[in-house]
Amino acid sequence: MPDPSAHKKQAQHNKDVAINLEANDPGALDWAITIRFYAALHLVRAYLAKRGLQPKDHEETFDYLTQSDLPEDLVAAYRRFYRLSRKARYDCWTPLQKDVNTARQLLSQVGRVITPRL
């Protein structure tokens, strides 16, 4: 099981990749959203790993988050981010810059709440 610091490092790497991709390939906004979601996922997994939890899939991650001490609005934001990334990955959807901005805001929200708990 990766430790919290490994997940935190992966989250930063994913964020950096998303920023680079967005700057160099404006046609890849779907992947910029998806990569940012996975940055958020690694922050969440760092939080869970610190508590000795290693979810096997997204559904178990949601279960752990729902039972955690995290604010309900953070759990709702993470769930919204998950849906946005699924739409980007599977629905042949062409996101707009405003959708990437939403992904940025959601990642920022996840980071603001979880980082102090690591």
C-alpha atoms as a PDB file:
ATOM      1  CA  MET A   1       0.000   0.000   0.000  1.00  0.00           C
ATOM      2  CA  PRO A   2       1.529   3.349  -0.989  1.00  0.00           C
ATOM      3  CA  ASP A   3       2.013   5.674   1.936  1.00  0.00           C
ATOM      4  CA  PRO A   4       0.427   9.141   2.126  1.00  0.00           C
ATOM      5  CA  SER A   5       3.597  10.876   0.923  1.00  0.00           C
ATOM      6  CA  ALA A   6       3.701   8.721  -2.240  1.00  0.00           C
ATOM      7  CA  HIS A   7       0.080   9.621  -3.001  1.00  0.00           C
ATOM      8  CA  LYS A   8       0.779  13.289  -2.312  1.00  0.00           C
ATOM      9  CA  LYS A   9       3.765  13.196  -4.676  1.00  0.00           C
ATOM     10  CA  GLN A  10       1.641  11.519  -7.375  1.00  0.00           C
ATOM     11  CA  ALA A  11      -1.081  14.152  -6.913  1.00  0.00           C
ATOM     12  CA  GLN A  12       1.432  16.937  -7.536  1.00  0.00           C
ATOM     13  CA  HIS A  13       2.840  15.100 -10.551  1.00  0.00           C
ATOM     14  CA  ASN A  14      -0.647  14.694 -12.042  1.00  0.00           C
ATOM     15  CA  LYS A  15      -1.433  18.362 -11.470  1.00  0.00           C
ATOM     16  CA  ASP A  16       1.826  19.369 -13.181  1.00  0.00           C
ATOM     17  CA  VAL A  17       1.079  17.079 -16.153  1.00  0.00           C
ATOM     18  CA  ALA A  18      -2.419  18.576 -16.500  1.00  0.00           C
ATOM     19  CA  ILE A  19      -1.017  22.111 -16.492  1.00  0.00           C
ATOM     20  CA  ASN A  20       1.605  21.177 -19.088  1.00  0.00           C
ATOM     21  CA  LEU A  21      -0.908  19.378 -21.294  1.00  0.00           C
ATOM     22  CA  GLU A  22      -3.359  22.250 -21.189  1.00  0.00           C
ATOM     23  CA  ALA A  23      -0.633  24.754 -22.089  1.00  0.00           C
ATOM     24  CA  ASN A  24       0.731  22.676 -24.963  1.00  0.00           C
ATOM     25  CA  ASP A  25      -2.356  20.967 -26.365  1.00  0.00           C
ATOM     26  CA  PRO A  26      -5.520  23.051 -26.038  1.00  0.00           C
ATOM     27  CA  GLY A  27      -7.432  20.304 -27.848  1.00  0.00           C
ATOM     28  CA  ALA A  28      -6.861  17.917 -24.942  1.00  0.00           C
ATOM     29  CA  LEU A  29      -9.123  19.585 -22.393  1.00  0.00           C
ATOM     30  CA  ASP A  30     -10.835  16.248 -21.721  1.00  0.00           C
ATOM     31  CA  TRP A  31      -7.520  14.820 -20.552  1.00  0.00           C
ATOM     32  CA  ALA A  32      -6.671  17.949 -18.555  1.00  0.00           C
ATOM     33  CA  ILE A  33      -9.905  17.374 -16.615  1.00  0.00           C
ATOM     34  CA  THR A  34      -9.256  13.654 -16.209  1.00  0.00           C
ATOM     35  CA  ILE A  35      -5.676  14.116 -15.021  1.00  0.00           C
ATOM     36  CA  ARG A  36      -6.782  16.742 -12.505  1.00  0.00           C
ATOM     37  CA  PHE A  37      -9.387  14.323 -11.166  1.00  0.00           C
ATOM     38  CA  TYR A  38      -6.656  11.753 -10.641  1.00  0.00           C
ATOM     39  CA  ALA A  39      -4.638  14.371  -8.772  1.00  0.00           C
ATOM     40  CA  ALA A  40      -7.643  14.774  -6.464  1.00  0.00           C
ATOM     41  CA  LEU A  41      -7.982  11.004  -6.196  1.00  0.00           C
ATOM     42  CA  HIS A  42      -4.390  10.714  -4.965  1.00  0.00           C
ATOM     43  CA  LEU A  43      -4.991  13.400  -2.341  1.00  0.00           C
ATOM     44  CA  VAL A  44      -8.044  11.455  -1.181  1.00  0.00           C
ATOM     45  CA  ARG A  45      -6.065   8.209  -1.167  1.00  0.00           C
ATOM     46  CA  ALA A  46      -3.293   9.900   0.847  1.00  0.00           C
ATOM     47  CA  TYR A  47      -5.913  10.938   3.415  1.00  0.00           C
ATOM     48  CA  LEU A  48      -7.321   7.396   3.518  1.00  0.00           C
ATOM     49  CA  ALA A  49      -3.881   5.743   3.615  1.00  0.00           C
ATOM     50  CA  LYS A  50      -2.979   7.858   6.626  1.00  0.00           C
ATOM     51  CA  ARG A  51      -5.956   6.203   8.309  1.00  0.00           C
ATOM     52  CA  GLY A  52      -4.890   2.708   7.215  1.00  0.00           C
ATOM     53  CA  LEU A  53      -7.514   2.446   4.474  1.00  0.00           C
ATOM     54  CA  GLN A  54      -6.861   1.305   0.907  1.00  0.00           C
ATOM     55  CA  PRO A  55     -10.019   1.329  -1.211  1.00  0.00           C
ATOM     56  CA  LYS A  56     -10.163  -1.213  -4.008  1.00  0.00           C
ATOM     57  CA  ASP A  57     -12.274   0.942  -6.334  1.00  0.00           C
ATOM     58  CA  HIS A  58     -14.087   4.263  -6.678  1.00  0.00           C
ATOM     59  CA  GLU A  59     -17.225   2.986  -4.945  1.00  0.00           C
ATOM     60  CA  GLU A  60     -15.286   1.905  -1.871  1.00  0.00           C
ATOM     61  CA  THR A  61     -13.525   5.279  -1.920  1.00  0.00           C
ATOM     62  CA  PHE A  62     -16.923   7.012  -1.780  1.00  0.00           C
ATOM     63  CA  ASP A  63     -17.996   4.719   1.064  1.00  0.00           C
ATOM     64  CA  TYR A  64     -14.894   5.577   3.095  1.00  0.00           C
ATOM     65  CA  LEU A  65     -15.306   9.293   2.393  1.00  0.00           C
ATOM     66  CA  THR A  66     -18.956   9.245   3.416  1.00  0.00           C
ATOM     67  CA  GLN A  67     -17.968   7.664   6.744  1.00  0.00           C
ATOM     68  CA  SER A  68     -15.024  10.025   7.289  1.00  0.00           C
ATOM     69  CA  ASP A  69     -14.751  13.252   9.245  1.00  0.00           C
ATOM     70  CA  LEU A  70     -14.457  15.254   6.020  1.00  0.00           C
ATOM     71  CA  PRO A  71     -17.077  17.940   5.392  1.00  0.00           C
ATOM     72  CA  GLU A  72     -20.090  16.780   3.383  1.00  0.00           C
ATOM     73  CA  ASP A  73     -19.534  19.514   0.802  1.00  0.00           C
ATOM     74  CA  LEU A  74     -16.045  18.138   0.110  1.00  0.00           C
ATOM     75  CA  VAL A  75     -17.419  14.635  -0.407  1.00  0.00           C
ATOM     76  CA  ALA A  76     -20.076  16.076  -2.748  1.00  0.00           C
ATOM     77  CA  ALA A  77     -17.425  18.054  -4.660  1.00  0.00           C
ATOM     78  CA  TYR A  78     -15.271  14.943  -5.051  1.00  0.00           C
ATOM     79  CA  ARG A  79     -18.285  12.988  -6.340  1.00  0.00           C
ATOM     80  CA  ARG A  80     -19.048  15.818  -8.807  1.00  0.00           C
ATOM     81  CA  PHE A  81     -15.410  15.764  -9.954  1.00  0.00           C
ATOM     82  CA  TYR A  82     -15.624  12.000 -10.492  1.00  0.00           C
ATOM     83  CA  ARG A  83     -18.725  12.424 -12.677  1.00  0.00           C
ATOM     84  CA  LEU A  84     -17.048  15.231 -14.660  1.00  0.00           C
ATOM     85  CA  SER A  85     -13.998  13.065 -15.329  1.00  0.00           C
ATOM     86  CA  ARG A  86     -16.156  10.103 -16.382  1.00  0.00           C
ATOM     87  CA  LYS A  87     -18.003  12.370 -18.802  1.00  0.00           C
ATOM     88  CA  ALA A  88     -14.650  13.503 -20.211  1.00  0.00           C
ATOM     89  CA  ARG A  89     -13.350   9.925 -20.502  1.00  0.00           C
ATOM     90  CA  TYR A  90     -16.352   7.987 -21.737  1.00  0.00           C
ATOM     91  CA  ASP A  91     -19.025  10.216 -23.242  1.00  0.00           C
ATOM     92  CA  CYS A  92     -17.167  11.578 -26.297  1.00  0.00           C
ATOM     93  CA  TRP A  93     -17.817  15.015 -24.848  1.00  0.00           C
ATOM     94  CA  THR A  94     -15.891  18.082 -25.920  1.00  0.00           C
ATOM     95  CA  PRO A  95     -15.335  20.168 -22.801  1.00  0.00           C
ATOM     96  CA  LEU A  96     -14.964  23.916 -22.870  1.00  0.00           C
ATOM     97  CA  GLN A  97     -12.461  26.029 -20.996  1.00  0.00           C
ATOM     98  CA  LYS A  98     -15.140  26.699 -18.359  1.00  0.00           C
ATOM     99  CA  ASP A  99     -15.239  22.954 -17.677  1.00  0.00           C
ATOM    100  CA  VAL A 100     -11.478  22.907 -17.135  1.00  0.00           C
ATOM    101  CA  ASN A 101     -11.902  25.882 -14.814  1.00  0.00           C
ATOM    102  CA  THR A 102     -14.463  23.848 -12.871  1.00  0.00           C
ATOM    103  CA  ALA A 103     -11.952  20.993 -12.631  1.00  0.00           C
ATOM    104  CA  ARG A 104      -9.316  23.431 -11.356  1.00  0.00           C
ATOM    105  CA  GLN A 105     -11.726  24.726  -8.708  1.00  0.00           C
ATOM    106  CA  LEU A 106     -12.694  21.217  -7.612  1.00  0.00           C
ATOM    107  CA  LEU A 107      -9.052  20.149  -7.323  1.00  0.00           C
ATOM    108  CA  SER A 108      -8.301  23.283  -5.345  1.00  0.00           C
ATOM    109  CA  GLN A 109     -11.216  22.566  -3.001  1.00  0.00           C
ATOM    110  CA  VAL A 110     -10.058  18.991  -2.433  1.00  0.00           C
ATOM    111  CA  GLY A 111      -6.518  20.205  -1.778  1.00  0.00           C
ATOM    112  CA  ARG A 112      -7.572  22.946   0.648  1.00  0.00           C
ATOM    113  CA  VAL A 113      -9.518  20.484   2.782  1.00  0.00           C
ATOM    114  CA  ILE A 114      -7.319  17.407   2.624  1.00  0.00           C
ATOM    115  CA  THR A 115      -3.763  18.786   2.620  1.00  0.00           C
ATOM    116  CA  PRO A 116      -3.948  20.093   6.212  1.00  0.00           C
ATOM    117  CA  ARG A 117      -5.162  16.636   7.290  1.00  0.00           C
ATOM    118  CA  LEU A 118      -2.100  14.910   5.874  1.00  0.00           C
END
